[in-house]
Amino acid sequence: MPHRCVKFHPTEPNLVAAGLFNGEVRLWDLSQPEEPLLASSTSDELLHREPVTRICWVKDSRSKDEYELVSVSGD
């Protein structure tokens, strides 16, 4: 599945997230060559059904060092 948008983590350059045309979001750790895929969203009624148009790492207001991954879609 082709990627629509890609964004590296702001402080951990080995982490990269991508939004796909099918609405899925994936997260990889490039420092793990054997199995780099860390997480992938699944198909669910509460998740994207249209292409992900933007992803962004947002600083968590509850923590100094944590970030949350946010995705945007047309749905």
Protein backbone atom coordinates (compact mmCIF):
# COMPACT_ATOMS: atom_id res chain seq x y z
CA MET A 1 0.00 0.00 0.00
CA PRO A 2 1.55 3.37 -1.01
CA HIS A 3 2.16 6.00 1.64
CA ARG A 4 0.47 9.37 1.40
CA CYS A 5 2.38 11.25 4.12
CA VAL A 6 5.43 10.52 6.25
CA LYS A 7 6.76 12.20 9.38
CA PHE A 8 9.83 11.49 11.52
CA HIS A 9 9.61 11.80 15.31
CA PRO A 10 10.93 15.23 16.42
CA THR A 11 13.45 13.88 18.97
CA GLU A 12 13.90 10.20 18.02
CA PRO A 13 14.98 10.11 14.36
CA ASN A 14 14.73 6.32 14.23
CA LEU A 15 10.91 6.54 14.57
CA VAL A 16 8.91 7.30 11.46
CA ALA A 17 5.14 7.31 10.96
CA ALA A 18 3.22 7.13 7.70
CA GLY A 19 -0.38 7.66 6.67
CA LEU A 20 -1.68 5.43 3.90
CA PHE A 21 -4.24 5.84 1.14
CA ASN A 22 -6.54 3.27 2.80
CA GLY A 23 -6.72 5.30 6.05
CA GLU A 24 -4.21 3.19 7.94
CA VAL A 25 -1.39 4.69 10.02
CA ARG A 26 1.86 2.79 10.55
CA LEU A 27 4.82 3.38 12.87
CA TRP A 28 8.33 2.02 12.28
CA ASP A 29 11.54 1.94 14.31
CA LEU A 30 14.30 2.08 11.71
CA SER A 31 16.91 1.03 14.27
CA GLN A 32 15.32 -2.46 14.27
CA PRO A 33 16.17 -3.88 10.82
CA GLU A 34 14.77 -7.35 11.57
CA GLU A 35 11.23 -6.13 12.42
CA PRO A 36 10.95 -2.35 12.06
CA LEU A 37 7.11 -2.17 12.11
CA LEU A 38 6.08 -1.21 15.68
CA ALA A 39 2.39 -0.49 15.22
CA SER A 40 -0.34 -0.32 12.64
CA SER A 41 -3.90 0.94 12.96
CA THR A 42 -6.62 -1.56 12.20
CA SER A 43 -9.89 -1.26 10.37
CA ASP A 44 -12.61 -0.11 12.77
CA GLU A 45 -15.72 2.03 12.65
CA LEU A 46 -13.94 4.74 14.68
CA LEU A 47 -10.82 4.90 12.49
CA HIS A 48 -10.08 6.54 9.14
CA ARG A 49 -11.72 5.12 6.04
CA GLU A 50 -10.33 7.69 3.62
CA PRO A 51 -6.70 8.51 2.77
CA VAL A 52 -4.67 10.03 5.59
CA THR A 53 -3.81 13.53 4.40
CA ARG A 54 -1.54 14.59 7.25
CA ILE A 55 0.21 13.18 10.28
CA CYS A 56 1.88 15.16 13.01
CA TRP A 57 3.79 14.55 16.25
CA VAL A 58 2.23 16.74 18.96
CA LYS A 59 3.89 17.39 22.31
CA ASP A 60 1.87 15.78 25.11
CA SER A 61 0.67 18.51 27.49
CA ARG A 62 0.86 16.08 30.42
CA SER A 63 4.55 15.29 29.92
CA LYS A 64 7.70 17.22 29.04
CA ASP A 65 9.27 14.51 26.91
CA GLU A 66 6.35 12.64 25.34
CA TYR A 67 4.74 13.12 21.93
CA GLU A 68 1.48 11.85 20.52
CA LEU A 69 0.91 10.92 16.89
CA VAL A 70 -2.10 12.63 15.34
CA SER A 71 -3.57 11.86 11.92
CA VAL A 72 -6.02 13.73 9.70
CA SER A 73 -8.30 12.35 7.00
CA GLY A 74 -11.28 13.54 4.98
CA ASP A 75 -13.70 11.41 6.99
